[in-house]
Amino acid sequence: MNKDLNLSIETLIQQHSIILFMKGDKYSPKCNFSKQAIDILDKFNIEYYTINLLNDNPLRDAIKIYSQWPTIPQLYINQKFIGGIDIINHLYKTFKLHEILEVHINS
């Protein structure tokens, strides 16, 4: 993987305690899976940052290699990869995402 892209990803993850790599942005998601992720995150009273990968193919490819996860969106909390939409949905439905975010808020 391109070292500059890898460094860019690491910097973004370090700068934003909750970051979602997605298609579109939080105000205008451009795919159903990204919209689902935004809908879940918006249920919590938290600030989070989004990165639009639609017009940045090199970054979109690089994040998949970086996380070793083949799909978008991808959620990171406190520099830890949480997962894609299937995992986000599962964590939300089982209240595990609530626990992860509670730890984040209290740290």
PDB file of N, CA and C in Angstrom:
ATOM      1  N   MET A   1       0.854  -1.193   0.000  1.00  0.00           N
ATOM      2  CA  MET A   1       0.000   0.000   0.000  1.00  0.00           C
ATOM      3  C   MET A   1       0.890   1.244   0.000  1.00  0.00           C
ATOM      4  N   ASN A   2       0.379   2.279  -0.579  1.00  0.00           N
ATOM      5  CA  ASN A   2       1.055   3.567  -0.651  1.00  0.00           C
ATOM      6  C   ASN A   2       1.288   4.098   0.772  1.00  0.00           C
ATOM      7  N   LYS A   3       2.548   4.380   1.104  1.00  0.00           N
ATOM      8  CA  LYS A   3       2.888   4.838   2.462  1.00  0.00           C
ATOM      9  C   LYS A   3       2.209   6.162   2.799  1.00  0.00           C
ATOM     10  N   ASP A   4       2.076   7.055   1.810  1.00  0.00           N
ATOM     11  CA  ASP A   4       1.426   8.343   2.053  1.00  0.00           C
ATOM     12  C   ASP A   4      -0.049   8.157   2.390  1.00  0.00           C
ATOM     13  N   LEU A   5      -0.721   7.255   1.665  1.00  0.00           N
ATOM     14  CA  LEU A   5      -2.134   6.988   1.972  1.00  0.00           C
ATOM     15  C   LEU A   5      -2.278   6.339   3.339  1.00  0.00           C
ATOM     16  N   ASN A   6      -1.384   5.422   3.646  1.00  0.00           N
ATOM     17  CA  ASN A   6      -1.414   4.772   4.952  1.00  0.00           C
ATOM     18  C   ASN A   6      -1.249   5.806   6.065  1.00  0.00           C
ATOM     19  N   LEU A   7      -0.315   6.719   5.886  1.00  0.00           N
ATOM     20  CA  LEU A   7      -0.100   7.782   6.877  1.00  0.00           C
ATOM     21  C   LEU A   7      -1.315   8.699   6.968  1.00  0.00           C
ATOM     22  N   SER A   8      -1.941   9.006   5.833  1.00  0.00           N
ATOM     23  CA  SER A   8      -3.154   9.836   5.832  1.00  0.00           C
ATOM     24  C   SER A   8      -4.272   9.170   6.622  1.00  0.00           C
ATOM     25  N   ILE A   9      -4.444   7.869   6.426  1.00  0.00           N
ATOM     26  CA  ILE A   9      -5.483   7.135   7.151  1.00  0.00           C
ATOM     27  C   ILE A   9      -5.190   7.147   8.639  1.00  0.00           C
ATOM     28  N   GLU A  10      -3.964   6.843   9.008  1.00  0.00           N
ATOM     29  CA  GLU A  10      -3.588   6.841  10.424  1.00  0.00           C
ATOM     30  C   GLU A  10      -3.804   8.209  11.051  1.00  0.00           C
ATOM     31  N   THR A  11      -3.445   9.266  10.333  1.00  0.00           N
ATOM     32  CA  THR A  11      -3.619  10.625  10.848  1.00  0.00           C
ATOM     33  C   THR A  11      -5.099  10.938  11.057  1.00  0.00           C
ATOM     34  N   LEU A  12      -5.932  10.600  10.096  1.00  0.00           N
ATOM     35  CA  LEU A  12      -7.381  10.835  10.230  1.00  0.00           C
ATOM     36  C   LEU A  12      -7.949  10.097  11.431  1.00  0.00           C
ATOM     37  N   ILE A  13      -7.555   8.850  11.597  1.00  0.00           N
ATOM     38  CA  ILE A  13      -8.071   8.039  12.703  1.00  0.00           C
ATOM     39  C   ILE A  13      -7.596   8.595  14.044  1.00  0.00           C
ATOM     40  N   GLN A  14      -6.375   9.115  14.081  1.00  0.00           N
ATOM     41  CA  GLN A  14      -5.862   9.694  15.322  1.00  0.00           C
ATOM     42  C   GLN A  14      -6.502  11.041  15.630  1.00  0.00           C
ATOM     43  N   GLN A  15      -6.838  11.808  14.592  1.00  0.00           N
ATOM     44  CA  GLN A  15      -7.399  13.148  14.793  1.00  0.00           C
ATOM     45  C   GLN A  15      -8.865  13.126  15.193  1.00  0.00           C
ATOM     46  N   HIS A  16      -9.588  12.076  14.844  1.00  0.00           N
ATOM     47  CA  HIS A  16     -11.035  12.022  15.071  1.00  0.00           C
ATOM     48  C   HIS A  16     -11.369  10.774  15.879  1.00  0.00           C
ATOM     49  N   SER A  17     -11.881  10.984  17.088  1.00  0.00           N
ATOM     50  CA  SER A  17     -12.128   9.839  17.964  1.00  0.00           C
ATOM     51  C   SER A  17     -13.224   8.923  17.435  1.00  0.00           C
ATOM     52  N   ILE A  18     -14.159   9.464  16.659  1.00  0.00           N
ATOM     53  CA  ILE A  18     -15.149   8.632  15.980  1.00  0.00           C
ATOM     54  C   ILE A  18     -15.148   9.064  14.524  1.00  0.00           C
ATOM     55  N   ILE A  19     -14.812   8.140  13.644  1.00  0.00           N
ATOM     56  CA  ILE A  19     -14.723   8.461  12.222  1.00  0.00           C
ATOM     57  C   ILE A  19     -15.351   7.341  11.408  1.00  0.00           C
ATOM     58  N   LEU A  20     -16.135   7.745  10.426  1.00  0.00           N
ATOM     59  CA  LEU A  20     -16.801   6.807   9.534  1.00  0.00           C
ATOM     60  C   LEU A  20     -16.320   7.079   8.110  1.00  0.00           C
ATOM     61  N   PHE A  21     -15.681   6.094   7.538  1.00  0.00           N
ATOM     62  CA  PHE A  21     -15.306   6.143   6.127  1.00  0.00           C
ATOM     63  C   PHE A  21     -16.507   5.617   5.355  1.00  0.00           C
ATOM     64  N   MET A  22     -17.033   6.431   4.429  1.00  0.00           N
ATOM     65  CA  MET A  22     -18.320   6.096   3.822  1.00  0.00           C
ATOM     66  C   MET A  22     -18.425   6.632   2.407  1.00  0.00           C
ATOM     67  N   LYS A  23     -19.543   6.333   1.789  1.00  0.00           N
ATOM     68  CA  LYS A  23     -19.878   6.911   0.487  1.00  0.00           C
ATOM     69  C   LYS A  23     -20.837   8.062   0.739  1.00  0.00           C
ATOM     70  N   GLY A  24     -20.404   9.275   0.442  1.00  0.00           N
ATOM     71  CA  GLY A  24     -21.163  10.475   0.772  1.00  0.00           C
ATOM     72  C   GLY A  24     -20.668  11.043   2.088  1.00  0.00           C
ATOM     73  N   ASP A  25     -21.508  11.854   2.733  1.00  0.00           N
ATOM     74  CA  ASP A  25     -21.162  12.388   4.048  1.00  0.00           C
ATOM     75  C   ASP A  25     -22.374  12.273   4.964  1.00  0.00           C
ATOM     76  N   LYS A  26     -22.209  12.702   6.204  1.00  0.00           N
ATOM     77  CA  LYS A  26     -23.285  12.504   7.180  1.00  0.00           C
ATOM     78  C   LYS A  26     -24.567  13.232   6.790  1.00  0.00           C
ATOM     79  N   TYR A  27     -24.456  14.269   5.983  1.00  0.00           N
ATOM     80  CA  TYR A  27     -25.642  15.026   5.590  1.00  0.00           C
ATOM     81  C   TYR A  27     -26.257  14.506   4.297  1.00  0.00           C
ATOM     82  N   SER A  28     -25.484  13.730   3.563  1.00  0.00           N
ATOM     83  CA  SER A  28     -25.970  13.226   2.284  1.00  0.00           C
ATOM     84  C   SER A  28     -25.295  11.888   1.950  1.00  0.00           C
ATOM     85  N   PRO A  29     -25.676  10.827   2.690  1.00  0.00           N
ATOM     86  CA  PRO A  29     -25.097   9.515   2.378  1.00  0.00           C
ATOM     87  C   PRO A  29     -25.504   9.079   0.972  1.00  0.00           C
ATOM     88  N   LYS A  30     -24.578   8.445   0.259  1.00  0.00           N
ATOM     89  CA  LYS A  30     -24.802   8.101  -1.141  1.00  0.00           C
ATOM     90  C   LYS A  30     -25.004   6.607  -1.385  1.00  0.00           C
ATOM     91  N   CYS A  31     -25.154   5.823  -0.328  1.00  0.00           N
ATOM     92  CA  CYS A  31     -25.532   4.419  -0.512  1.00  0.00           C
ATOM     93  C   CYS A  31     -26.323   3.992   0.723  1.00  0.00           C
ATOM     94  N   ASN A  32     -27.102   2.958   0.573  1.00  0.00           N
ATOM     95  CA  ASN A  32     -27.972   2.508   1.658  1.00  0.00           C
ATOM     96  C   ASN A  32     -27.178   2.092   2.894  1.00  0.00           C
ATOM     97  N   PHE A  33     -26.050   1.431   2.695  1.00  0.00           N
ATOM     98  CA  PHE A  33     -25.258   0.981   3.846  1.00  0.00           C
ATOM     99  C   PHE A  33     -24.687   2.173   4.614  1.00  0.00           C
ATOM    100  N   SER A  34     -24.202   3.177   3.907  1.00  0.00           N
ATOM    101  CA  SER A  34     -23.706   4.382   4.569  1.00  0.00           C
ATOM    102  C   SER A  34     -24.841   5.104   5.288  1.00  0.00           C
ATOM    103  N   LYS A  35     -26.012   5.147   4.678  1.00  0.00           N
ATOM    104  CA  LYS A  35     -27.170   5.771   5.322  1.00  0.00           C
ATOM    105  C   LYS A  35     -27.542   5.043   6.607  1.00  0.00           C
ATOM    106  N   GLN A  36     -27.505   3.718   6.577  1.00  0.00           N
ATOM    107  CA  GLN A  36     -27.802   2.942   7.784  1.00  0.00           C
ATOM    108  C   GLN A  36     -26.823   3.278   8.902  1.00  0.00           C
ATOM    109  N   ALA A  37     -25.545   3.378   8.564  1.00  0.00           N
ATOM    110  CA  ALA A  37     -24.531   3.704   9.574  1.00  0.00           C
ATOM    111  C   ALA A  37     -24.779   5.092  10.162  1.00  0.00           C
ATOM    112  N   ILE A  38     -25.089   6.061   9.315  1.00  0.00           N
ATOM    113  CA  ILE A  38     -25.386   7.424   9.780  1.00  0.00           C
ATOM    114  C   ILE A  38     -26.623   7.418  10.670  1.00  0.00           C
ATOM    115  N   ASP A  39     -27.662   6.703  10.245  1.00  0.00           N
ATOM    116  CA  ASP A  39     -28.892   6.636  11.048  1.00  0.00           C
ATOM    117  C   ASP A  39     -28.616   6.097  12.444  1.00  0.00           C
ATOM    118  N   ILE A  40     -27.752   5.097  12.538  1.00  0.00           N
ATOM    119  CA  ILE A  40     -27.412   4.531  13.852  1.00  0.00           C
ATOM    120  C   ILE A  40     -26.603   5.539  14.672  1.00  0.00           C
ATOM    121  N   LEU A  41     -25.563   6.111  14.089  1.00  0.00           N
ATOM    122  CA  LEU A  41     -24.730   7.057  14.838  1.00  0.00           C
ATOM    123  C   LEU A  41     -25.526   8.280  15.275  1.00  0.00           C
ATOM    124  N   ASP A  42     -26.479   8.701  14.451  1.00  0.00           N
ATOM    125  CA  ASP A  42     -27.287   9.873  14.800  1.00  0.00           C
ATOM    126  C   ASP A  42     -28.244   9.612  15.967  1.00  0.00           C
ATOM    127  N   LYS A  43     -28.455   8.355  16.325  1.00  0.00           N
ATOM    128  CA  LYS A  43     -29.313   8.044  17.478  1.00  0.00           C
ATOM    129  C   LYS A  43     -28.625   8.396  18.799  1.00  0.00           C
ATOM    130  N   PHE A  44     -27.317   8.542  18.731  1.00  0.00           N
ATOM    131  CA  PHE A  44     -26.528   8.883  19.915  1.00  0.00           C
ATOM    132  C   PHE A  44     -26.201  10.374  19.868  1.00  0.00           C
ATOM    133  N   ASN A  45     -26.093  10.976  20.997  1.00  0.00           N
ATOM    134  CA  ASN A  45     -25.761  12.395  21.074  1.00  0.00           C
ATOM    135  C   ASN A  45     -24.234  12.540  21.089  1.00  0.00           C
ATOM    136  N   ILE A  46     -23.633  12.244  19.934  1.00  0.00           N
ATOM    137  CA  ILE A  46     -22.173  12.260  19.841  1.00  0.00           C
ATOM    138  C   ILE A  46     -21.754  13.034  18.597  1.00  0.00           C
ATOM    139  N   GLU A  47     -20.533  13.520  18.650  1.00  0.00           N
ATOM    140  CA  GLU A  47     -19.933  14.115  17.469  1.00  0.00           C
ATOM    141  C   GLU A  47     -19.118  13.033  16.782  1.00  0.00           C
ATOM    142  N   TYR A  48     -19.193  13.019  15.467  1.00  0.00           N
ATOM    143  CA  TYR A  48     -18.378  12.090  14.708  1.00  0.00           C
ATOM    144  C   TYR A  48     -18.034  12.737  13.377  1.00  0.00           C
ATOM    145  N   TYR A  49     -17.006  12.203  12.768  1.00  0.00           N
ATOM    146  CA  TYR A  49     -16.474  12.763  11.531  1.00  0.00           C
ATOM    147  C   TYR A  49     -16.656  11.740  10.417  1.00  0.00           C
ATOM    148  N   THR A  50     -16.953  12.218   9.210  1.00  0.00           N
ATOM    149  CA  THR A  50     -17.092  11.313   8.079  1.00  0.00           C
ATOM    150  C   THR A  50     -16.090  11.674   6.982  1.00  0.00           C
ATOM    151  N   ILE A  51     -15.671  10.662   6.270  1.00  0.00           N
ATOM    152  CA  ILE A  51     -14.791  10.826   5.114  1.00  0.00           C
ATOM    153  C   ILE A  51     -15.535  10.247   3.917  1.00  0.00           C
ATOM    154  N   ASN A  52     -15.733  11.073   2.899  1.00  0.00           N
ATOM    155  CA  ASN A  52     -16.401  10.658   1.675  1.00  0.00           C
ATOM    156  C   ASN A  52     -15.386   9.984   0.752  1.00  0.00           C
ATOM    157  N   LEU A  53     -15.595   8.702   0.498  1.00  0.00           N
ATOM    158  CA  LEU A  53     -14.672   7.946  -0.343  1.00  0.00           C
ATOM    159  C   LEU A  53     -15.119   7.841  -1.798  1.00  0.00           C
ATOM    160  N   LEU A  54     -16.257   8.423  -2.109  1.00  0.00           N
ATOM    161  CA  LEU A  54     -16.802   8.270  -3.463  1.00  0.00           C
ATOM    162  C   LEU A  54     -15.893   8.808  -4.553  1.00  0.00           C
ATOM    163  N   ASN A  55     -15.281   9.934  -4.325  1.00  0.00           N
ATOM    164  CA  ASN A  55     -14.454  10.553  -5.351  1.00  0.00           C
ATOM    165  C   ASN A  55     -12.967  10.361  -5.113  1.00  0.00           C
ATOM    166  N   ASP A  56     -12.627   9.430  -4.241  1.00  0.00           N
ATOM    167  CA  ASP A  56     -11.223   9.191  -3.921  1.00  0.00           C
ATOM    168  C   ASP A  56     -10.943   7.689  -3.969  1.00  0.00           C
ATOM    169  N   ASN A  57     -10.835   7.160  -5.179  1.00  0.00           N
ATOM    170  CA  ASN A  57     -10.610   5.720  -5.341  1.00  0.00           C
ATOM    171  C   ASN A  57      -9.339   5.224  -4.657  1.00  0.00           C
ATOM    172  N   PRO A  58      -8.226   5.959  -4.729  1.00  0.00           N
ATOM    173  CA  PRO A  58      -7.029   5.477  -4.032  1.00  0.00           C
ATOM    174  C   PRO A  58      -7.244   5.341  -2.517  1.00  0.00           C
ATOM    175  N   LEU A  59      -7.901   6.324  -1.905  1.00  0.00           N
ATOM    176  CA  LEU A  59      -8.159   6.238  -0.468  1.00  0.00           C
ATOM    177  C   LEU A  59      -9.159   5.130  -0.164  1.00  0.00           C
ATOM    178  N   ARG A  60     -10.173   4.971  -1.006  1.00  0.00           N
ATOM    179  CA  ARG A  60     -11.166   3.907  -0.799  1.00  0.00           C
ATOM    180  C   ARG A  60     -10.492   2.535  -0.850  1.00  0.00           C
ATOM    181  N   ASP A  61      -9.600   2.344  -1.806  1.00  0.00           N
ATOM    182  CA  ASP A  61      -8.877   1.076  -1.884  1.00  0.00           C
ATOM    183  C   ASP A  61      -7.931   0.905  -0.699  1.00  0.00           C
ATOM    184  N   ALA A  62      -7.286   1.995  -0.303  1.00  0.00           N
ATOM    185  CA  ALA A  62      -6.305   1.937   0.783  1.00  0.00           C
ATOM    186  C   ALA A  62      -6.957   1.609   2.127  1.00  0.00           C
ATOM    187  N   ILE A  63      -8.143   2.162   2.404  1.00  0.00           N
ATOM    188  CA  ILE A  63      -8.780   1.895   3.702  1.00  0.00           C
ATOM    189  C   ILE A  63      -9.175   0.422   3.807  1.00  0.00           C
ATOM    190  N   LYS A  64      -9.536  -0.188   2.690  1.00  0.00           N
ATOM    191  CA  LYS A  64      -9.890  -1.614   2.695  1.00  0.00           C
ATOM    192  C   LYS A  64      -8.675  -2.474   3.031  1.00  0.00           C
ATOM    193  N   ILE A  65      -7.517  -2.074   2.527  1.00  0.00           N
ATOM    194  CA  ILE A  65      -6.279  -2.790   2.845  1.00  0.00           C
ATOM    195  C   ILE A  65      -5.870  -2.508   4.290  1.00  0.00           C
ATOM    196  N   TYR A  66      -5.954  -1.240   4.677  1.00  0.00           N
ATOM    197  CA  TYR A  66      -5.560  -0.830   6.030  1.00  0.00           C
ATOM    198  C   TYR A  66      -6.339  -1.598   7.093  1.00  0.00           C
ATOM    199  N   SER A  67      -7.654  -1.681   6.915  1.00  0.00           N
ATOM    200  CA  SER A  67      -8.509  -2.327   7.910  1.00  0.00           C
ATOM    201  C   SER A  67      -8.627  -3.825   7.702  1.00  0.00           C
ATOM    202  N   GLN A  68      -8.191  -4.298   6.547  1.00  0.00           N
ATOM    203  CA  GLN A  68      -8.389  -5.684   6.138  1.00  0.00           C
ATOM    204  C   GLN A  68      -9.877  -6.025   6.134  1.00  0.00           C
ATOM    205  N   TRP A  69     -10.668  -5.074   5.628  1.00  0.00           N
ATOM    206  CA  TRP A  69     -12.123  -5.220   5.547  1.00  0.00           C
ATOM    207  C   TRP A  69     -12.539  -4.801   4.141  1.00  0.00           C
ATOM    208  N   PRO A  70     -13.316  -5.619   3.424  1.00  0.00           N
ATOM    209  CA  PRO A  70     -13.533  -5.390   1.999  1.00  0.00           C
ATOM    210  C   PRO A  70     -14.626  -4.388   1.629  1.00  0.00           C
ATOM    211  N   THR A  71     -15.403  -3.926   2.600  1.00  0.00           N
ATOM    212  CA  THR A  71     -16.552  -3.098   2.243  1.00  0.00           C
ATOM    213  C   THR A  71     -16.527  -1.745   2.944  1.00  0.00           C
ATOM    214  N   ILE A  72     -17.343  -0.844   2.415  1.00  0.00           N
ATOM    215  CA  ILE A  72     -17.550   0.498   2.949  1.00  0.00           C
ATOM    216  C   ILE A  72     -19.023   0.572   3.323  1.00  0.00           C
ATOM    217  N   PRO A  73     -19.424   1.159   4.417  1.00  0.00           N
ATOM    218  CA  PRO A  73     -18.674   2.021   5.336  1.00  0.00           C
ATOM    219  C   PRO A  73     -17.816   1.233   6.329  1.00  0.00           C
ATOM    220  N   GLN A  74     -16.917   1.974   6.967  1.00  0.00           N
ATOM    221  CA  GLN A  74     -16.064   1.436   8.016  1.00  0.00           C
ATOM    222  C   GLN A  74     -16.026   2.429   9.171  1.00  0.00           C
ATOM    223  N   LEU A  75     -16.251   1.911  10.375  1.00  0.00           N
ATOM    224  CA  LEU A  75     -16.301   2.753  11.569  1.00  0.00           C
ATOM    225  C   LEU A  75     -15.092   2.493  12.460  1.00  0.00           C
ATOM    226  N   TYR A  76     -14.488   3.595  12.915  1.00  0.00           N
ATOM    227  CA  TYR A  76     -13.399   3.552  13.895  1.00  0.00           C
ATOM    228  C   TYR A  76     -13.816   4.379  15.104  1.00  0.00           C
ATOM    229  N   ILE A  77     -13.582   3.831  16.290  1.00  0.00           N
ATOM    230  CA  ILE A  77     -13.824   4.558  17.536  1.00  0.00           C
ATOM    231  C   ILE A  77     -12.566   4.435  18.386  1.00  0.00           C
ATOM    232  N   ASN A  78     -12.068   5.568  18.836  1.00  0.00           N
ATOM    233  CA  ASN A  78     -10.831   5.619  19.624  1.00  0.00           C
ATOM    234  C   ASN A  78      -9.704   4.839  18.956  1.00  0.00           C
ATOM    235  N   GLN A  79      -9.548   5.059  17.657  1.00  0.00           N
ATOM    236  CA  GLN A  79      -8.482   4.476  16.851  1.00  0.00           C
ATOM    237  C   GLN A  79      -8.616   2.968  16.680  1.00  0.00           C
ATOM    238  N   LYS A  80      -9.762   2.409  17.052  1.00  0.00           N
ATOM    239  CA  LYS A  80      -9.989   0.969  16.917  1.00  0.00           C
ATOM    240  C   LYS A  80     -11.015   0.726  15.819  1.00  0.00           C
ATOM    241  N   PHE A  81     -10.692  -0.191  14.919  1.00  0.00           N
ATOM    242  CA  PHE A  81     -11.625  -0.554  13.862  1.00  0.00           C
ATOM    243  C   PHE A  81     -12.789  -1.327  14.470  1.00  0.00           C
ATOM    244  N   ILE A  82     -13.998  -0.821  14.260  1.00  0.00           N
ATOM    245  CA  ILE A  82     -15.199  -1.472  14.787  1.00  0.00           C
ATOM    246  C   ILE A  82     -15.760  -2.448  13.761  1.00  0.00           C
ATOM    247  N   GLY A  83     -15.910  -2.004  12.515  1.00  0.00           N
ATOM    248  CA  GLY A  83     -16.384  -2.896  11.469  1.00  0.00           C
ATOM    249  C   GLY A  83     -17.202  -2.163  10.435  1.00  0.00           C
ATOM    250  N   GLY A  84     -17.809  -2.960   9.567  1.00  0.00           N
ATOM    251  CA  GLY A  84     -18.688  -2.456   8.535  1.00  0.00           C
ATOM    252  C   GLY A  84     -20.126  -2.445   9.005  1.00  0.00           C
ATOM    253  N   ILE A  85     -21.057  -2.259   8.083  1.00  0.00           N
ATOM    254  CA  ILE A  85     -22.448  -2.058   8.462  1.00  0.00           C
ATOM    255  C   ILE A  85     -23.058  -3.282   9.135  1.00  0.00           C
ATOM    256  N   ASP A  86     -22.703  -4.491   8.724  1.00  0.00           N
ATOM    257  CA  ASP A  86     -23.258  -5.677   9.384  1.00  0.00           C
ATOM    258  C   ASP A  86     -22.877  -5.705  10.862  1.00  0.00           C
ATOM    259  N   ILE A  87     -21.634  -5.395  11.144  1.00  0.00           N
ATOM    260  CA  ILE A  87     -21.162  -5.391  12.537  1.00  0.00           C
ATOM    261  C   ILE A  87     -21.759  -4.209  13.292  1.00  0.00           C
ATOM    262  N   ILE A  88     -21.814  -3.050  12.658  1.00  0.00           N
ATOM    263  CA  ILE A  88     -22.420  -1.877  13.307  1.00  0.00           C
ATOM    264  C   ILE A  88     -23.869  -2.175  13.678  1.00  0.00           C
ATOM    265  N   ASN A  89     -24.622  -2.751  12.741  1.00  0.00           N
ATOM    266  CA  ASN A  89     -26.023  -3.116  13.019  1.00  0.00           C
ATOM    267  C   ASN A  89     -26.117  -4.110  14.164  1.00  0.00           C
ATOM    268  N   HIS A  90     -25.283  -5.134  14.134  1.00  0.00           N
ATOM    269  CA  HIS A  90     -25.307  -6.147  15.190  1.00  0.00           C
ATOM    270  C   HIS A  90     -24.969  -5.533  16.552  1.00  0.00           C
ATOM    271  N   LEU A  91     -23.930  -4.730  16.587  1.00  0.00           N
ATOM    272  CA  LEU A  91     -23.540  -4.094  17.851  1.00  0.00           C
ATOM    273  C   LEU A  91     -24.646  -3.178  18.366  1.00  0.00           C
ATOM    274  N   TYR A  92     -25.312  -2.486  17.457  1.00  0.00           N
ATOM    275  CA  TYR A  92     -26.403  -1.601  17.866  1.00  0.00           C
ATOM    276  C   TYR A  92     -27.577  -2.413  18.425  1.00  0.00           C
ATOM    277  N   LYS A  93     -27.969  -3.451  17.725  1.00  0.00           N
ATOM    278  CA  LYS A  93     -29.134  -4.249  18.139  1.00  0.00           C
ATOM    279  C   LYS A  93     -28.895  -5.000  19.448  1.00  0.00           C
ATOM    280  N   THR A  94     -27.643  -5.334  19.742  1.00  0.00           N
ATOM    281  CA  THR A  94     -27.318  -6.047  20.974  1.00  0.00           C
ATOM    282  C   THR A  94     -26.831  -5.104  22.077  1.00  0.00           C
ATOM    283  N   PHE A  95     -26.934  -3.799  21.842  1.00  0.00           N
ATOM    284  CA  PHE A  95     -26.551  -2.749  22.793  1.00  0.00           C
ATOM    285  C   PHE A  95     -25.050  -2.700  23.081  1.00  0.00           C
ATOM    286  N   LYS A  96     -24.257  -3.426  22.309  1.00  0.00           N
ATOM    287  CA  LYS A  96     -22.800  -3.375  22.482  1.00  0.00           C
ATOM    288  C   LYS A  96     -22.237  -2.045  21.985  1.00  0.00           C
ATOM    289  N   LEU A  97     -22.844  -1.484  20.946  1.00  0.00           N
ATOM    290  CA  LEU A  97     -22.378  -0.185  20.454  1.00  0.00           C
ATOM    291  C   LEU A  97     -22.604   0.881  21.515  1.00  0.00           C
ATOM    292  N   HIS A  98     -23.689   0.771  22.238  1.00  0.00           N
ATOM    293  CA  HIS A  98     -23.964   1.699  23.341  1.00  0.00           C
ATOM    294  C   HIS A  98     -22.825   1.640  24.359  1.00  0.00           C
ATOM    295  N   GLU A  99     -22.398   0.406  24.679  1.00  0.00           N
ATOM    296  CA  GLU A  99     -21.327   0.214  25.657  1.00  0.00           C
ATOM    297  C   GLU A  99     -20.009   0.799  25.138  1.00  0.00           C
ATOM    298  N   ILE A 100     -19.711   0.538  23.870  1.00  0.00           N
ATOM    299  CA  ILE A 100     -18.476   1.061  23.274  1.00  0.00           C
ATOM    300  C   ILE A 100     -18.477   2.576  23.316  1.00  0.00           C
ATOM    301  N   LEU A 101     -19.606   3.180  22.961  1.00  0.00           N
ATOM    302  CA  LEU A 101     -19.676   4.639  22.948  1.00  0.00           C
ATOM    303  C   LEU A 101     -19.669   5.217  24.367  1.00  0.00           C
ATOM    304  N   GLU A 102     -20.250   4.500  25.306  1.00  0.00           N
ATOM    305  CA  GLU A 102     -20.239   4.967  26.703  1.00  0.00           C
ATOM    306  C   GLU A 102     -18.814   4.999  27.226  1.00  0.00           C
ATOM    307  N   VAL A 103     -18.031   3.973  26.921  1.00  0.00           N
ATOM    308  CA  VAL A 103     -16.629   3.945  27.315  1.00  0.00           C
ATOM    309  C   VAL A 103     -15.895   5.100  26.642  1.00  0.00           C
ATOM    310  N   HIS A 104     -16.191   5.330  25.367  1.00  0.00           N
ATOM    311  CA  HIS A 104     -15.564   6.437  24.632  1.00  0.00           C
ATOM    312  C   HIS A 104     -15.864   7.781  25.291  1.00  0.00           C
ATOM    313  N   ILE A 105     -17.122   7.995  25.611  1.00  0.00           N
ATOM    314  CA  ILE A 105     -17.554   9.274  26.199  1.00  0.00           C
ATOM    315  C   ILE A 105     -16.909   9.484  27.564  1.00  0.00           C
ATOM    316  N   ASN A 106     -16.741   8.411  28.320  1.00  0.00           N
ATOM    317  CA  ASN A 106     -16.198   8.521  29.674  1.00  0.00           C
ATOM    318  C   ASN A 106     -14.675   8.462  29.722  1.00  0.00           C
ATOM    319  N   SER A 107     -14.033   8.321  28.551  1.00  0.00           N
ATOM    320  CA  SER A 107     -12.565   8.234  28.579  1.00  0.00           C
ATOM    321  C   SER A 107     -11.924   9.586  28.323  1.00  0.00           C
TER     322      SER A 107
END
